[in-house]
Amino acid sequence: MLVPDDSVAAVHQLLMTLLDLDAPAPAEIAPTIGLDPASMVNVGKREDVTSNRAFLSMLQGAVHLPADESLTTAEVRAHTAAVAEELVERLVAKMKNPTP
């Protein structure tokens, strides 16, 4: 189950970890997100998960979003939470409407 709020927190933490690496930072970053395999994942809330309920996903294979835009490392650092939220929102939208 992909829980959007939990996913935003996880992506935010991953971005912070990458930004905190002791390595030279690139001038620009093109953040993107994906899920592979996506066939067994549904979007919902933790309350939706029970031991006697199953979900069938219409997705097949992977869901990968293109890196449509790049941001400076400083912009990503200054707006990490917003970047994480937008990435998850785009992933959820793609999962709900998997057509190209």
C-alpha atoms as a PDB file:
ATOM      1  CA  MET A   1       0.000   0.000   0.000  1.00  0.00           C
ATOM      2  CA  LEU A   2       1.414   3.371  -0.997  1.00  0.00           C
ATOM      3  CA  VAL A   3       0.312   5.840   1.678  1.00  0.00           C
ATOM      4  CA  PRO A   4       0.952   9.328   0.265  1.00  0.00           C
ATOM      5  CA  ASP A   5       1.781  11.044   3.575  1.00  0.00           C
ATOM      6  CA  ASP A   6       4.176   8.271   4.575  1.00  0.00           C
ATOM      7  CA  SER A   7       5.713   8.301   1.114  1.00  0.00           C
ATOM      8  CA  VAL A   8       6.301  12.065   1.231  1.00  0.00           C
ATOM      9  CA  ALA A   9       8.100  11.656   4.560  1.00  0.00           C
ATOM     10  CA  ALA A  10      10.228   8.806   3.168  1.00  0.00           C
ATOM     11  CA  VAL A  11      11.137  10.685  -0.033  1.00  0.00           C
ATOM     12  CA  HIS A  12      11.936  13.790   2.027  1.00  0.00           C
ATOM     13  CA  GLN A  13      14.282  11.744   4.202  1.00  0.00           C
ATOM     14  CA  LEU A  14      15.943  10.196   1.143  1.00  0.00           C
ATOM     15  CA  LEU A  15      16.494  13.633  -0.404  1.00  0.00           C
ATOM     16  CA  MET A  16      17.979  14.923   2.854  1.00  0.00           C
ATOM     17  CA  THR A  17      20.281  11.898   3.033  1.00  0.00           C
ATOM     18  CA  LEU A  18      21.481  12.478  -0.529  1.00  0.00           C
ATOM     19  CA  LEU A  19      22.035  16.178   0.125  1.00  0.00           C
ATOM     20  CA  ASP A  20      24.002  15.385   3.288  1.00  0.00           C
ATOM     21  CA  LEU A  21      26.451  13.036   1.561  1.00  0.00           C
ATOM     22  CA  ASP A  22      30.063  14.029   2.011  1.00  0.00           C
ATOM     23  CA  ALA A  23      30.620  14.360  -1.720  1.00  0.00           C
ATOM     24  CA  PRO A  24      30.746  17.212  -4.210  1.00  0.00           C
ATOM     25  CA  ALA A  25      27.226  18.357  -5.017  1.00  0.00           C
ATOM     26  CA  PRO A  26      26.214  18.761  -8.654  1.00  0.00           C
ATOM     27  CA  ALA A  27      25.159  22.204  -9.820  1.00  0.00           C
ATOM     28  CA  GLU A  28      21.717  20.904 -10.744  1.00  0.00           C
ATOM     29  CA  ILE A  29      19.547  17.954  -9.773  1.00  0.00           C
ATOM     30  CA  ALA A  30      16.713  16.451 -11.825  1.00  0.00           C
ATOM     31  CA  PRO A  31      14.582  14.734  -9.174  1.00  0.00           C
ATOM     32  CA  THR A  32      12.337  11.894 -10.251  1.00  0.00           C
ATOM     33  CA  ILE A  33      10.580   8.934  -8.692  1.00  0.00           C
ATOM     34  CA  GLY A  34       9.478   5.464  -9.676  1.00  0.00           C
ATOM     35  CA  LEU A  35       8.078   2.220  -8.375  1.00  0.00           C
ATOM     36  CA  ASP A  36       9.174  -1.177  -9.628  1.00  0.00           C
ATOM     37  CA  PRO A  37       7.303  -3.467  -9.547  1.00  0.00           C
ATOM     38  CA  ALA A  38       4.084  -1.510  -9.220  1.00  0.00           C
ATOM     39  CA  SER A  39       1.696  -4.350  -9.963  1.00  0.00           C
ATOM     40  CA  MET A  40       1.057  -5.198  -6.311  1.00  0.00           C
ATOM     41  CA  VAL A  41       0.861  -1.629  -4.996  1.00  0.00           C
ATOM     42  CA  ASN A  42      -2.265   0.446  -4.458  1.00  0.00           C
ATOM     43  CA  VAL A  43      -2.659   4.002  -3.235  1.00  0.00           C
ATOM     44  CA  GLY A  44      -4.583   4.376  -0.008  1.00  0.00           C
ATOM     45  CA  LYS A  45      -4.533   4.933   3.723  1.00  0.00           C
ATOM     46  CA  ARG A  46      -3.141   2.743   6.464  1.00  0.00           C
ATOM     47  CA  GLU A  47      -6.710   2.237   7.688  1.00  0.00           C
ATOM     48  CA  ASP A  48      -7.506   0.526   4.359  1.00  0.00           C
ATOM     49  CA  VAL A  49      -5.123  -2.341   5.103  1.00  0.00           C
ATOM     50  CA  THR A  50      -6.664  -5.303   6.890  1.00  0.00           C
ATOM     51  CA  SER A  51      -5.700  -8.949   7.136  1.00  0.00           C
ATOM     52  CA  ASN A  52      -8.830 -10.073   5.301  1.00  0.00           C
ATOM     53  CA  ARG A  53      -8.866  -7.600   2.436  1.00  0.00           C
ATOM     54  CA  ALA A  54      -7.001  -7.794  -0.854  1.00  0.00           C
ATOM     55  CA  PHE A  55      -6.517  -5.210  -3.567  1.00  0.00           C
ATOM     56  CA  LEU A  56      -6.066  -5.889  -7.237  1.00  0.00           C
ATOM     57  CA  SER A  57      -3.980  -3.359  -9.083  1.00  0.00           C
ATOM     58  CA  MET A  58      -4.456  -2.606 -12.759  1.00  0.00           C
ATOM     59  CA  LEU A  59      -0.818  -1.574 -13.057  1.00  0.00           C
ATOM     60  CA  GLN A  60       1.655  -3.822 -14.744  1.00  0.00           C
ATOM     61  CA  GLY A  61       5.392  -3.602 -14.433  1.00  0.00           C
ATOM     62  CA  ALA A  62       7.011  -0.399 -13.329  1.00  0.00           C
ATOM     63  CA  VAL A  63       5.918   3.200 -12.951  1.00  0.00           C
ATOM     64  CA  HIS A  64       8.707   5.653 -13.680  1.00  0.00           C
ATOM     65  CA  LEU A  65       8.301   9.386 -14.071  1.00  0.00           C
ATOM     66  CA  PRO A  66      10.550  11.350 -16.397  1.00  0.00           C
ATOM     67  CA  ALA A  67      12.866  13.949 -14.909  1.00  0.00           C
ATOM     68  CA  ASP A  68      11.022  16.858 -16.527  1.00  0.00           C
ATOM     69  CA  GLU A  69      12.906  19.667 -14.876  1.00  0.00           C
ATOM     70  CA  SER A  70      16.078  20.314 -12.989  1.00  0.00           C
ATOM     71  CA  LEU A  71      16.646  22.443  -9.933  1.00  0.00           C
ATOM     72  CA  THR A  72      19.809  23.804  -8.468  1.00  0.00           C
ATOM     73  CA  THR A  73      21.123  21.906  -5.491  1.00  0.00           C
ATOM     74  CA  ALA A  74      20.436  25.015  -3.394  1.00  0.00           C
ATOM     75  CA  GLU A  75      16.785  25.043  -4.529  1.00  0.00           C
ATOM     76  CA  VAL A  76      16.346  21.374  -3.653  1.00  0.00           C
ATOM     77  CA  ARG A  77      17.977  21.959  -0.272  1.00  0.00           C
ATOM     78  CA  ALA A  78      15.742  24.989   0.425  1.00  0.00           C
ATOM     79  CA  HIS A  79      12.529  23.282  -0.687  1.00  0.00           C
ATOM     80  CA  THR A  80      13.133  19.606   0.054  1.00  0.00           C
ATOM     81  CA  ALA A  81       9.686  19.022   1.568  1.00  0.00           C
ATOM     82  CA  ALA A  82       7.934  20.623  -1.414  1.00  0.00           C
ATOM     83  CA  VAL A  83      10.047  18.620  -3.880  1.00  0.00           C
ATOM     84  CA  ALA A  84       9.196  15.387  -2.038  1.00  0.00           C
ATOM     85  CA  GLU A  85       5.500  16.255  -1.978  1.00  0.00           C
ATOM     86  CA  GLU A  86       5.415  17.039  -5.703  1.00  0.00           C
ATOM     87  CA  LEU A  87       7.251  13.835  -6.602  1.00  0.00           C
ATOM     88  CA  VAL A  88       4.799  11.708  -4.608  1.00  0.00           C
ATOM     89  CA  GLU A  89       1.802  13.606  -6.015  1.00  0.00           C
ATOM     90  CA  ARG A  90       3.031  12.935  -9.553  1.00  0.00           C
ATOM     91  CA  LEU A  91       3.636   9.250  -8.755  1.00  0.00           C
ATOM     92  CA  VAL A  92       0.150   8.863  -7.271  1.00  0.00           C
ATOM     93  CA  ALA A  93      -1.402  10.609 -10.286  1.00  0.00           C
ATOM     94  CA  LYS A  94       0.473   8.285 -12.653  1.00  0.00           C
ATOM     95  CA  MET A  95      -0.615   5.236 -10.659  1.00  0.00           C
ATOM     96  CA  LYS A  96      -4.249   6.339 -10.757  1.00  0.00           C
ATOM     97  CA  ASN A  97      -4.051   7.031 -14.495  1.00  0.00           C
ATOM     98  CA  PRO A  98      -1.329   4.764 -15.911  1.00  0.00           C
ATOM     99  CA  THR A  99      -1.891   5.666 -19.559  1.00  0.00           C
ATOM    100  CA  PRO A 100       0.920   7.725 -21.141  1.00  0.00           C
END
